[in-house]
Amino acid sequence: LWPIFFLPLLFFLAPAASAAPPPGCGSDDGPSQDARQEQAKATVCTARADISAQVTTLQRLTPNLASVPQVRTSVSAIVSDLGKISDAQPDLDPDTRQQVQAANKEFADQAKAVTKAALSGGLSGDVAGQLKPAIDELAQTYKDVFAPIEC
């Protein structure tokens, strides 16, 4: 008796079940390309804002031996942000991707120069003479390569 009672329900459920795409055929493939691009752009913009804050922190330091640990901390944060930007690049639209890749590379090279200046300045005793120009160059590089990226 129960199977006969549920038979009419099968007529209503069968068309609905066949209308749904099979798993993996379009509806549950994850976020759309536009959503991925928006998320990637948000990641780039968040990382860019943090890089700006770290550059400002570096500019406010008095370059001396005592500031070397803060330089390392800020540069480490910048390197982490550059990694986040790099990870987001594949999902960016082609024009933005190209701009971000170039900015990321140029800025990463400059961040390495700041680290090198901090280390060599600490070793030579001329932290101020080597670190201040490197930080100034880092700030200028940020303005040149990351500031133009639209957020």
N, C-alpha and C. Protein backbone atom coordinates (compact mmCIF):
# COMPACT_ATOMS: atom_id res chain seq x y z
N LEU A 1 0.82 -1.20 0.00
CA LEU A 1 0.00 0.00 0.00
C LEU A 1 0.86 1.26 0.00
N TRP A 2 1.97 1.28 0.80
CA TRP A 2 2.83 2.46 0.83
C TRP A 2 3.45 2.77 -0.53
N PRO A 3 3.98 1.78 -1.26
CA PRO A 3 4.56 2.11 -2.56
C PRO A 3 3.55 2.72 -3.51
N ILE A 4 2.31 2.31 -3.46
CA ILE A 4 1.28 2.88 -4.33
C ILE A 4 1.01 4.32 -3.94
N PHE A 5 1.05 4.61 -2.65
CA PHE A 5 0.82 5.96 -2.17
C PHE A 5 1.90 6.92 -2.65
N PHE A 6 3.18 6.45 -2.70
CA PHE A 6 4.29 7.31 -3.11
C PHE A 6 4.46 7.38 -4.63
N LEU A 7 3.78 6.54 -5.37
CA LEU A 7 3.90 6.54 -6.83
C LEU A 7 3.57 7.91 -7.44
N PRO A 8 2.51 8.60 -7.03
CA PRO A 8 2.26 9.93 -7.61
C PRO A 8 3.39 10.92 -7.32
N LEU A 9 4.06 10.77 -6.18
CA LEU A 9 5.18 11.68 -5.86
C LEU A 9 6.33 11.49 -6.84
N LEU A 10 6.54 10.27 -7.31
CA LEU A 10 7.60 10.02 -8.27
C LEU A 10 7.39 10.79 -9.56
N PHE A 11 6.15 10.97 -9.96
CA PHE A 11 5.86 11.70 -11.19
C PHE A 11 6.22 13.18 -11.05
N PHE A 12 6.10 13.71 -9.84
CA PHE A 12 6.45 15.11 -9.61
C PHE A 12 7.95 15.30 -9.40
N LEU A 13 8.58 14.35 -8.73
CA LEU A 13 10.00 14.48 -8.41
C LEU A 13 10.91 14.11 -9.57
N ALA A 14 10.51 13.20 -10.41
CA ALA A 14 11.36 12.74 -11.51
C ALA A 14 11.73 13.88 -12.46
N PRO A 15 10.77 14.72 -12.92
CA PRO A 15 11.18 15.82 -13.81
C PRO A 15 12.10 16.82 -13.10
N ALA A 16 11.88 17.10 -11.82
CA ALA A 16 12.73 18.04 -11.10
C ALA A 16 14.14 17.49 -10.96
N ALA A 17 14.26 16.22 -10.69
CA ALA A 17 15.57 15.60 -10.52
C ALA A 17 16.33 15.58 -11.85
N SER A 18 15.62 15.34 -12.94
CA SER A 18 16.31 15.29 -14.23
C SER A 18 16.69 16.68 -14.72
N ALA A 19 16.05 17.73 -14.21
CA ALA A 19 16.37 19.08 -14.63
C ALA A 19 17.66 19.57 -14.00
N ALA A 20 18.02 19.04 -12.86
CA ALA A 20 19.26 19.46 -12.20
C ALA A 20 20.45 18.86 -12.94
N PRO A 21 21.49 19.65 -13.15
CA PRO A 21 22.65 19.10 -13.86
C PRO A 21 23.37 18.07 -12.99
N PRO A 22 23.96 17.09 -13.62
CA PRO A 22 24.72 16.11 -12.85
C PRO A 22 25.90 16.78 -12.14
N PRO A 23 26.37 16.19 -11.07
CA PRO A 23 27.49 16.78 -10.35
C PRO A 23 28.68 17.03 -11.27
N GLY A 24 29.29 18.22 -11.10
CA GLY A 24 30.46 18.55 -11.91
C GLY A 24 30.14 19.07 -13.28
N CYS A 25 28.86 19.34 -13.55
CA CYS A 25 28.49 19.81 -14.88
C CYS A 25 28.00 21.25 -14.87
N GLY A 26 28.64 22.12 -14.15
CA GLY A 26 28.34 23.52 -14.31
C GLY A 26 27.86 24.25 -13.09
N SER A 27 26.98 23.72 -12.31
CA SER A 27 26.38 24.52 -11.26
C SER A 27 27.25 24.63 -10.01
N ASP A 28 28.03 23.63 -9.68
CA ASP A 28 28.84 23.65 -8.47
C ASP A 28 30.33 23.66 -8.78
N ASP A 29 30.72 24.39 -9.80
CA ASP A 29 32.13 24.43 -10.17
C ASP A 29 32.91 25.47 -9.38
N GLY A 30 32.31 26.04 -8.36
CA GLY A 30 32.99 27.06 -7.56
C GLY A 30 32.61 28.44 -8.04
N PRO A 31 33.36 29.44 -7.58
CA PRO A 31 33.03 30.82 -7.93
C PRO A 31 33.23 31.08 -9.42
N SER A 32 32.46 32.01 -9.91
CA SER A 32 32.57 32.38 -11.32
C SER A 32 33.89 33.11 -11.56
N GLN A 33 34.23 33.28 -12.81
CA GLN A 33 35.46 33.98 -13.15
C GLN A 33 35.42 35.41 -12.63
N ASP A 34 34.27 36.07 -12.75
CA ASP A 34 34.14 37.43 -12.24
C ASP A 34 34.35 37.48 -10.73
N ALA A 35 33.81 36.50 -10.01
CA ALA A 35 33.97 36.47 -8.56
C ALA A 35 35.44 36.22 -8.19
N ARG A 36 36.10 35.35 -8.93
CA ARG A 36 37.53 35.10 -8.68
C ARG A 36 38.36 36.35 -8.96
N GLN A 37 38.02 37.07 -10.03
CA GLN A 37 38.74 38.30 -10.35
C GLN A 37 38.54 39.35 -9.26
N GLU A 38 37.31 39.47 -8.77
CA GLU A 38 37.02 40.43 -7.70
C GLU A 38 37.78 40.06 -6.42
N GLN A 39 37.81 38.79 -6.10
CA GLN A 39 38.53 38.34 -4.90
C GLN A 39 40.03 38.58 -5.05
N ALA A 40 40.56 38.29 -6.22
CA ALA A 40 41.99 38.51 -6.47
C ALA A 40 42.32 40.00 -6.37
N LYS A 41 41.47 40.83 -6.93
CA LYS A 41 41.67 42.29 -6.87
C LYS A 41 41.64 42.76 -5.41
N ALA A 42 40.70 42.23 -4.63
CA ALA A 42 40.61 42.59 -3.22
C ALA A 42 41.87 42.17 -2.47
N THR A 43 42.39 40.98 -2.79
CA THR A 43 43.62 40.51 -2.16
C THR A 43 44.78 41.44 -2.49
N VAL A 44 44.89 41.81 -3.76
CA VAL A 44 45.95 42.72 -4.19
C VAL A 44 45.82 44.06 -3.47
N CYS A 45 44.61 44.58 -3.39
CA CYS A 45 44.41 45.89 -2.77
C CYS A 45 44.69 45.86 -1.27
N THR A 46 44.32 44.79 -0.59
CA THR A 46 44.59 44.66 0.84
C THR A 46 46.10 44.57 1.07
N ALA A 47 46.77 43.76 0.27
CA ALA A 47 48.23 43.62 0.41
C ALA A 47 48.93 44.93 0.07
N ARG A 48 48.45 45.61 -0.94
CA ARG A 48 49.03 46.90 -1.33
C ARG A 48 48.91 47.91 -0.19
N ALA A 49 47.76 47.93 0.47
CA ALA A 49 47.56 48.84 1.60
C ALA A 49 48.51 48.52 2.74
N ASP A 50 48.73 47.23 3.00
CA ASP A 50 49.66 46.86 4.06
C ASP A 50 51.09 47.22 3.69
N ILE A 51 51.45 47.04 2.43
CA ILE A 51 52.79 47.43 1.98
C ILE A 51 52.99 48.92 2.20
N SER A 52 51.98 49.71 1.88
CA SER A 52 52.06 51.15 2.09
C SER A 52 52.30 51.46 3.57
N ALA A 53 51.58 50.77 4.45
CA ALA A 53 51.75 50.98 5.89
C ALA A 53 53.16 50.59 6.34
N GLN A 54 53.68 49.49 5.80
CA GLN A 54 55.03 49.06 6.16
C GLN A 54 56.09 50.04 5.66
N VAL A 55 55.89 50.57 4.47
CA VAL A 55 56.82 51.57 3.93
C VAL A 55 56.80 52.82 4.80
N THR A 56 55.62 53.24 5.21
CA THR A 56 55.50 54.40 6.10
C THR A 56 56.22 54.14 7.42
N THR A 57 56.05 52.93 7.97
CA THR A 57 56.76 52.56 9.21
C THR A 57 58.27 52.67 9.01
N LEU A 58 58.75 52.16 7.89
CA LEU A 58 60.20 52.22 7.61
C LEU A 58 60.68 53.65 7.47
N GLN A 59 59.89 54.50 6.82
CA GLN A 59 60.30 55.89 6.63
C GLN A 59 60.38 56.64 7.95
N ARG A 60 59.56 56.25 8.91
CA ARG A 60 59.53 56.95 10.19
C ARG A 60 60.64 56.50 11.15
N LEU A 61 61.32 55.42 10.80
CA LEU A 61 62.40 54.93 11.66
C LEU A 61 63.60 55.86 11.61
N THR A 62 64.28 55.93 12.71
CA THR A 62 65.58 56.58 12.74
C THR A 62 66.59 55.50 12.40
N PRO A 63 67.22 55.61 11.24
CA PRO A 63 68.13 54.53 10.83
C PRO A 63 69.34 54.43 11.77
N ASN A 64 69.33 53.41 12.58
CA ASN A 64 70.47 53.11 13.44
C ASN A 64 70.44 51.61 13.72
N LEU A 65 71.40 51.16 14.44
CA LEU A 65 71.51 49.72 14.70
C LEU A 65 70.29 49.18 15.43
N ALA A 66 69.69 50.00 16.28
CA ALA A 66 68.51 49.56 17.04
C ALA A 66 67.28 49.38 16.15
N SER A 67 67.26 50.03 14.99
CA SER A 67 66.09 49.93 14.12
C SER A 67 66.15 48.71 13.19
N VAL A 68 67.27 48.02 13.13
CA VAL A 68 67.42 46.88 12.23
C VAL A 68 66.36 45.80 12.47
N PRO A 69 66.01 45.43 13.72
CA PRO A 69 64.95 44.44 13.90
C PRO A 69 63.59 44.89 13.34
N GLN A 70 63.26 46.17 13.49
CA GLN A 70 62.01 46.68 12.93
C GLN A 70 62.05 46.64 11.41
N VAL A 71 63.22 46.93 10.84
CA VAL A 71 63.36 46.85 9.38
C VAL A 71 63.09 45.43 8.92
N ARG A 72 63.67 44.47 9.62
CA ARG A 72 63.45 43.06 9.26
C ARG A 72 61.97 42.69 9.37
N THR A 73 61.32 43.15 10.43
CA THR A 73 59.89 42.86 10.62
C THR A 73 59.06 43.45 9.49
N SER A 74 59.31 44.71 9.16
CA SER A 74 58.55 45.36 8.09
C SER A 74 58.83 44.72 6.74
N VAL A 75 60.09 44.41 6.47
CA VAL A 75 60.43 43.79 5.19
C VAL A 75 59.81 42.39 5.11
N SER A 76 59.78 41.67 6.22
CA SER A 76 59.14 40.34 6.23
C SER A 76 57.65 40.47 5.92
N ALA A 77 57.00 41.48 6.48
CA ALA A 77 55.57 41.71 6.20
C ALA A 77 55.38 42.06 4.73
N ILE A 78 56.27 42.86 4.20
CA ILE A 78 56.19 43.23 2.78
C ILE A 78 56.35 42.00 1.90
N VAL A 79 57.31 41.16 2.23
CA VAL A 79 57.54 39.93 1.46
C VAL A 79 56.30 39.04 1.51
N SER A 80 55.67 38.95 2.67
CA SER A 80 54.43 38.17 2.80
C SER A 80 53.33 38.76 1.91
N ASP A 81 53.21 40.08 1.92
CA ASP A 81 52.21 40.74 1.08
C ASP A 81 52.50 40.52 -0.40
N LEU A 82 53.76 40.57 -0.78
CA LEU A 82 54.12 40.32 -2.17
C LEU A 82 53.77 38.89 -2.57
N GLY A 83 53.91 37.96 -1.64
CA GLY A 83 53.50 36.58 -1.90
C GLY A 83 52.00 36.46 -2.13
N LYS A 84 51.22 37.18 -1.32
CA LYS A 84 49.76 37.17 -1.48
C LYS A 84 49.39 37.75 -2.84
N ILE A 85 50.07 38.81 -3.23
CA ILE A 85 49.80 39.42 -4.53
C ILE A 85 50.16 38.44 -5.64
N SER A 86 51.28 37.79 -5.50
CA SER A 86 51.71 36.81 -6.50
C SER A 86 50.70 35.67 -6.63
N ASP A 87 50.21 35.20 -5.49
CA ASP A 87 49.22 34.11 -5.50
C ASP A 87 47.91 34.53 -6.16
N ALA A 88 47.57 35.80 -6.06
CA ALA A 88 46.30 36.30 -6.62
C ALA A 88 46.39 36.57 -8.12
N GLN A 89 47.59 36.72 -8.65
CA GLN A 89 47.77 37.13 -10.04
C GLN A 89 47.04 36.27 -11.07
N PRO A 90 47.06 34.94 -10.97
CA PRO A 90 46.41 34.15 -12.02
C PRO A 90 44.92 34.44 -12.19
N ASP A 91 44.26 34.93 -11.14
CA ASP A 91 42.83 35.19 -11.23
C ASP A 91 42.49 36.62 -11.65
N LEU A 92 43.49 37.47 -11.82
CA LEU A 92 43.24 38.84 -12.25
C LEU A 92 42.94 38.89 -13.74
N ASP A 93 42.25 39.96 -14.16
CA ASP A 93 42.03 40.12 -15.59
C ASP A 93 43.41 40.39 -16.23
N PRO A 94 43.56 40.08 -17.52
CA PRO A 94 44.88 40.12 -18.15
C PRO A 94 45.62 41.46 -18.02
N ASP A 95 44.93 42.58 -18.19
CA ASP A 95 45.61 43.88 -18.11
C ASP A 95 46.12 44.15 -16.70
N THR A 96 45.27 43.90 -15.71
CA THR A 96 45.66 44.12 -14.32
C THR A 96 46.76 43.15 -13.93
N ARG A 97 46.66 41.91 -14.40
CA ARG A 97 47.67 40.90 -14.09
C ARG A 97 49.05 41.36 -14.54
N GLN A 98 49.13 41.88 -15.75
CA GLN A 98 50.41 42.32 -16.29
C GLN A 98 50.96 43.48 -15.46
N GLN A 99 50.12 44.43 -15.11
CA GLN A 99 50.54 45.57 -14.31
C GLN A 99 51.01 45.12 -12.92
N VAL A 100 50.26 44.22 -12.31
CA VAL A 100 50.58 43.74 -10.96
C VAL A 100 51.86 42.91 -10.97
N GLN A 101 52.05 42.08 -11.99
CA GLN A 101 53.27 41.27 -12.07
C GLN A 101 54.50 42.17 -12.14
N ALA A 102 54.44 43.18 -12.99
CA ALA A 102 55.58 44.09 -13.13
C ALA A 102 55.84 44.84 -11.83
N ALA A 103 54.79 45.32 -11.19
CA ALA A 103 54.93 46.05 -9.93
C ALA A 103 55.51 45.15 -8.85
N ASN A 104 54.98 43.93 -8.78
CA ASN A 104 55.42 42.99 -7.75
C ASN A 104 56.92 42.68 -7.89
N LYS A 105 57.36 42.44 -9.12
CA LYS A 105 58.76 42.12 -9.34
C LYS A 105 59.66 43.29 -8.98
N GLU A 106 59.32 44.46 -9.48
CA GLU A 106 60.16 45.63 -9.22
C GLU A 106 60.23 45.96 -7.73
N PHE A 107 59.08 45.88 -7.07
CA PHE A 107 59.05 46.20 -5.65
C PHE A 107 59.79 45.14 -4.83
N ALA A 108 59.66 43.88 -5.21
CA ALA A 108 60.37 42.81 -4.50
C ALA A 108 61.88 43.01 -4.60
N ASP A 109 62.35 43.41 -5.77
CA ASP A 109 63.78 43.68 -5.93
C ASP A 109 64.23 44.80 -5.00
N GLN A 110 63.41 45.83 -4.87
CA GLN A 110 63.76 46.96 -4.01
C GLN A 110 63.70 46.56 -2.53
N ALA A 111 62.73 45.72 -2.16
CA ALA A 111 62.64 45.26 -0.77
C ALA A 111 63.90 44.46 -0.41
N LYS A 112 64.40 43.68 -1.35
CA LYS A 112 65.64 42.93 -1.11
C LYS A 112 66.81 43.89 -0.88
N ALA A 113 66.80 44.99 -1.61
CA ALA A 113 67.88 45.99 -1.46
C ALA A 113 67.84 46.61 -0.06
N VAL A 114 66.64 46.83 0.47
CA VAL A 114 66.52 47.40 1.82
C VAL A 114 67.07 46.40 2.84
N THR A 115 66.72 45.14 2.69
CA THR A 115 67.23 44.12 3.60
C THR A 115 68.75 44.06 3.54
N LYS A 116 69.28 44.08 2.33
CA LYS A 116 70.73 44.04 2.15
C LYS A 116 71.39 45.26 2.80
N ALA A 117 70.78 46.43 2.62
CA ALA A 117 71.33 47.65 3.22
C ALA A 117 71.31 47.58 4.74
N ALA A 118 70.23 47.03 5.28
CA ALA A 118 70.14 46.91 6.74
C ALA A 118 71.22 45.97 7.27
N LEU A 119 71.39 44.86 6.60
CA LEU A 119 72.39 43.89 7.05
C LEU A 119 73.81 44.41 6.88
N SER A 120 74.11 44.94 5.70
CA SER A 120 75.47 45.42 5.46
C SER A 120 75.77 46.66 6.29
N GLY A 121 74.76 47.51 6.49
CA GLY A 121 74.95 48.68 7.34
C GLY A 121 75.22 48.28 8.77
N GLY A 122 74.51 47.24 9.23
CA GLY A 122 74.74 46.74 10.59
C GLY A 122 76.13 46.17 10.75
N LEU A 123 76.61 45.50 9.71
CA LEU A 123 77.93 44.91 9.77
C LEU A 123 79.04 45.96 9.69
N SER A 124 78.81 46.99 8.88
CA SER A 124 79.85 48.00 8.69
C SER A 124 79.77 49.12 9.72
N GLY A 125 78.65 49.19 10.44
CA GLY A 125 78.47 50.26 11.41
C GLY A 125 77.89 51.52 10.80
N ASP A 126 77.55 51.49 9.51
CA ASP A 126 76.99 52.66 8.83
C ASP A 126 75.53 52.41 8.45
N VAL A 127 74.71 52.10 9.45
CA VAL A 127 73.31 51.80 9.19
C VAL A 127 72.61 53.00 8.56
N ALA A 128 72.79 54.17 9.14
CA ALA A 128 72.11 55.37 8.64
C ALA A 128 72.52 55.67 7.20
N GLY A 129 73.81 55.55 6.91
CA GLY A 129 74.29 55.86 5.57
C GLY A 129 73.79 54.91 4.50
N GLN A 130 73.52 53.67 4.86
CA GLN A 130 73.07 52.70 3.87
C GLN A 130 71.55 52.48 3.90
N LEU A 131 70.95 52.54 5.07
CA LEU A 131 69.54 52.21 5.21
C LEU A 131 68.61 53.33 4.75
N LYS A 132 68.91 54.55 5.10
CA LYS A 132 68.04 55.68 4.75
C LYS A 132 67.84 55.80 3.24
N PRO A 133 68.91 55.78 2.45
CA PRO A 133 68.69 55.86 0.99
C PRO A 133 67.89 54.67 0.44
N ALA A 134 68.11 53.49 1.00
CA ALA A 134 67.39 52.31 0.52
C ALA A 134 65.90 52.42 0.85
N ILE A 135 65.57 52.92 2.03
CA ILE A 135 64.16 53.10 2.41
C ILE A 135 63.51 54.17 1.54
N ASP A 136 64.24 55.26 1.30
CA ASP A 136 63.70 56.31 0.43
C ASP A 136 63.42 55.77 -0.98
N GLU A 137 64.33 54.95 -1.47
CA GLU A 137 64.13 54.35 -2.79
C GLU A 137 62.94 53.39 -2.78
N LEU A 138 62.77 52.65 -1.70
CA LEU A 138 61.63 51.75 -1.57
C LEU A 138 60.31 52.53 -1.61
N ALA A 139 60.27 53.64 -0.89
CA ALA A 139 59.07 54.48 -0.87
C ALA A 139 58.77 55.02 -2.26
N GLN A 140 59.80 55.45 -2.97
CA GLN A 140 59.60 55.97 -4.32
C GLN A 140 59.14 54.86 -5.26
N THR A 141 59.72 53.68 -5.11
CA THR A 141 59.31 52.55 -5.95
C THR A 141 57.85 52.20 -5.70
N TYR A 142 57.43 52.24 -4.43
CA TYR A 142 56.02 51.98 -4.12
C TYR A 142 55.14 52.98 -4.87
N LYS A 143 55.48 54.25 -4.80
CA LYS A 143 54.68 55.29 -5.48
C LYS A 143 54.64 55.06 -6.98
N ASP A 144 55.78 54.63 -7.53
CA ASP A 144 55.86 54.44 -8.98
C ASP A 144 55.11 53.21 -9.47
N VAL A 145 55.18 52.10 -8.70
CA VAL A 145 54.65 50.85 -9.24
C VAL A 145 53.33 50.39 -8.63
N PHE A 146 53.12 50.63 -7.35
CA PHE A 146 51.89 50.14 -6.73
C PHE A 146 50.80 51.19 -6.63
N ALA A 147 51.15 52.44 -6.44
CA ALA A 147 50.15 53.49 -6.33
C ALA A 147 49.25 53.58 -7.58
N PRO A 148 49.80 53.39 -8.78
CA PRO A 148 48.93 53.47 -9.97
C PRO A 148 47.92 52.32 -10.12
N ILE A 149 48.10 51.24 -9.37
CA ILE A 149 47.17 50.12 -9.48
C ILE A 149 45.85 50.54 -8.83
N GLU A 150 44.80 50.46 -9.60
CA GLU A 150 43.49 50.92 -9.15
C GLU A 150 42.87 49.96 -8.15
N CYS A 151 42.44 50.51 -7.03
CA CYS A 151 41.76 49.69 -6.02
C CYS A 151 40.40 50.27 -5.69
